[in-house]
């Protein structure tokens, strides 16, 4: 029932953690999933490349690796590793704000845990549509107030 954020060789406080948690919970409620534990590990390229090589036998840079730890299809439990270096480079190429690209990558990992795939061209289209739909829900998260 918790969403945690960790930082490995990456700057911390790169997004609003409270709003991001609320947004992810809203997405999971819309998708009819029960949240167990979700860990986001923000890291650099070298850290994620090592993960990619050791666990997936891929020798390429990537922006995200998702590990599903769920014991039930209705529940979400997993670890999502995100290279903030890749996200930053992609945001520059796409001329997007870093935070917007990071949110897309975050929700991409959550959608993988919810059963969405992006292996085929058709699946990629569905995934992108779902990402856009989820990103639009960010506006439904209450604004943070300073105390």
Protein backbone atom coordinates (compact mmCIF):
# COMPACT_ATOMS: atom_id res chain seq x y z
CA UNK A 1 0.00 0.00 0.00
CA UNK A 2 2.96 2.28 -0.49
CA UNK A 3 4.96 3.98 -3.19
CA UNK A 4 8.63 4.55 -2.41
CA UNK A 5 11.27 6.57 -4.25
CA UNK A 6 14.99 5.80 -4.04
CA UNK A 7 18.01 7.43 -5.63
CA UNK A 8 21.13 5.60 -6.84
CA UNK A 9 23.71 7.87 -8.47
CA UNK A 10 20.92 10.28 -9.38
CA UNK A 11 19.88 13.69 -8.06
CA UNK A 12 17.09 13.45 -5.54
CA UNK A 13 13.94 15.57 -5.36
CA UNK A 14 13.52 15.60 -9.13
CA UNK A 15 9.70 15.58 -8.93
CA UNK A 16 6.96 16.28 -6.42
CA UNK A 17 6.77 12.97 -4.58
CA UNK A 18 3.39 13.63 -2.95
CA UNK A 19 1.65 14.62 -6.20
CA UNK A 20 3.32 11.79 -8.09
CA UNK A 21 2.13 9.25 -5.51
CA UNK A 22 -1.41 10.63 -5.67
CA UNK A 23 -1.38 10.53 -9.46
CA UNK A 24 -0.12 6.92 -9.62
CA UNK A 25 -2.77 5.86 -7.10
CA UNK A 26 -5.42 7.60 -9.22
CA UNK A 27 -4.22 5.75 -12.34
CA UNK A 28 -4.25 2.41 -10.50
CA UNK A 29 -7.77 3.06 -9.20
CA UNK A 30 -8.91 3.88 -12.77
CA UNK A 31 -7.33 0.61 -13.94
CA UNK A 32 -9.00 -1.29 -11.04
CA UNK A 33 -5.76 -2.47 -9.45
CA UNK A 34 -4.89 -2.77 -5.77
CA UNK A 35 -1.56 -1.21 -4.86
CA UNK A 36 0.72 -3.32 -2.69
CA UNK A 37 4.24 -1.87 -2.87
CA UNK A 38 5.78 0.06 -5.70
CA UNK A 39 9.45 1.07 -5.61
CA UNK A 40 10.91 3.58 -8.02
CA UNK A 41 14.68 3.64 -8.18
CA UNK A 42 16.08 6.67 -10.00
CA UNK A 43 19.62 6.01 -11.20
CA UNK A 44 22.20 6.89 -13.82
CA UNK A 45 22.93 5.16 -17.14
CA UNK A 46 25.77 3.03 -15.76
CA UNK A 47 23.60 1.65 -12.94
CA UNK A 48 20.73 0.77 -15.30
CA UNK A 49 23.07 -0.67 -17.94
CA UNK A 50 24.49 -3.02 -15.33
CA UNK A 51 20.95 -4.07 -14.35
CA UNK A 52 20.10 -4.60 -18.02
CA UNK A 53 23.19 -6.76 -18.55
CA UNK A 54 22.87 -8.79 -15.35
CA UNK A 55 19.13 -9.46 -15.29
CA UNK A 56 17.98 -9.21 -18.91
CA UNK A 57 21.21 -10.03 -20.78
CA UNK A 58 20.82 -6.84 -22.86
CA UNK A 59 23.91 -4.74 -23.50
CA UNK A 60 22.08 -1.51 -24.32
CA UNK A 61 21.16 1.70 -22.60
CA UNK A 62 17.50 2.08 -21.69
CA UNK A 63 15.40 4.55 -19.76
CA UNK A 64 13.44 1.99 -17.71
CA UNK A 65 13.44 -1.57 -16.46
CA UNK A 66 10.37 -2.92 -14.67
CA UNK A 67 10.30 -5.96 -12.39
CA UNK A 68 6.87 -7.37 -11.53
CA UNK A 69 6.76 -8.85 -8.02
CA UNK A 70 2.99 -9.29 -7.88
CA UNK A 71 1.54 -12.55 -6.69
CA UNK A 72 -1.92 -11.75 -8.09
CA UNK A 73 -3.09 -10.22 -11.37
CA UNK A 74 -5.31 -7.71 -9.54
CA UNK A 75 -2.44 -6.34 -7.48
CA UNK A 76 0.48 -4.09 -8.31
CA UNK A 77 3.79 -4.82 -6.67
CA UNK A 78 7.10 -4.16 -8.32
CA UNK A 79 10.38 -2.35 -8.73
CA UNK A 80 10.83 0.23 -11.48
CA UNK A 81 14.36 1.41 -12.29
CA UNK A 82 14.61 4.65 -14.26
CA UNK A 83 17.73 6.26 -15.71
CA UNK A 84 17.35 9.99 -15.18
CA UNK A 85 20.22 10.50 -17.64
CA UNK A 86 18.22 8.73 -20.41
CA UNK A 87 15.06 10.62 -19.47
CA UNK A 88 16.94 13.92 -19.60
CA UNK A 89 18.50 13.13 -22.98
CA UNK A 90 15.12 12.02 -24.38
CA UNK A 91 13.39 15.14 -23.05
CA UNK A 92 15.97 17.31 -24.84
CA UNK A 93 15.57 15.38 -28.11
CA UNK A 94 11.78 15.56 -27.90
CA UNK A 95 11.83 19.20 -26.70
CA UNK A 96 9.80 18.31 -23.61
CA UNK A 97 10.16 19.39 -20.03
CA UNK A 98 12.19 16.87 -18.02
CA UNK A 99 9.30 16.40 -15.58
CA UNK A 100 6.84 15.59 -18.39
CA UNK A 101 9.13 12.96 -19.92
CA UNK A 102 9.87 11.52 -16.47
CA UNK A 103 6.14 11.20 -15.77
CA UNK A 104 5.67 9.41 -19.09
CA UNK A 105 8.42 6.93 -18.21
CA UNK A 106 7.05 6.47 -14.68
CA UNK A 107 3.56 5.66 -15.95
CA UNK A 108 5.02 3.46 -18.69
CA UNK A 109 6.49 1.24 -15.98
CA UNK A 110 3.24 1.23 -14.01
CA UNK A 111 1.33 0.25 -17.16
CA UNK A 112 3.71 -2.67 -17.72
CA UNK A 113 2.85 -3.86 -14.22
CA UNK A 114 -0.83 -3.46 -15.10
CA UNK A 115 -0.36 -5.89 -17.99
CA UNK A 116 0.23 -3.58 -20.94
CA UNK A 117 3.00 -4.54 -23.34
CA UNK A 118 4.85 -2.72 -26.10
CA UNK A 119 6.55 -5.52 -27.99
CA UNK A 120 4.56 -5.18 -31.23
CA UNK A 121 3.64 -2.11 -33.28
CA UNK A 122 -0.04 -2.45 -32.28
CA UNK A 123 0.89 -2.81 -28.60
CA UNK A 124 3.09 0.29 -28.84
CA UNK A 125 0.16 2.31 -30.17
CA UNK A 126 -2.08 1.11 -27.33
CA UNK A 127 0.66 1.79 -24.77
CA UNK A 128 1.19 5.34 -26.05
CA UNK A 129 -2.56 6.03 -26.00
CA UNK A 130 -2.76 4.69 -22.45
CA UNK A 131 0.25 6.78 -21.38
CA UNK A 132 -1.41 9.90 -22.79
CA UNK A 133 -4.66 9.08 -21.02
CA UNK A 134 -2.82 8.58 -17.72
CA UNK A 135 -0.79 11.76 -18.18
CA UNK A 136 -4.03 13.71 -18.59
CA UNK A 137 -5.05 12.56 -15.09
CA UNK A 138 -2.19 14.57 -13.55
CA UNK A 139 -4.47 17.60 -13.68
CA UNK A 140 -6.92 15.81 -11.38
CA UNK A 141 -4.43 15.60 -8.51
CA UNK A 142 -5.02 18.36 -5.94
CA UNK A 143 -2.39 21.09 -5.82
CA UNK A 144 0.03 20.96 -2.93
CA UNK A 145 -0.35 23.70 -0.36
CA UNK A 146 2.52 25.09 1.62
CA UNK A 147 2.13 24.78 5.34
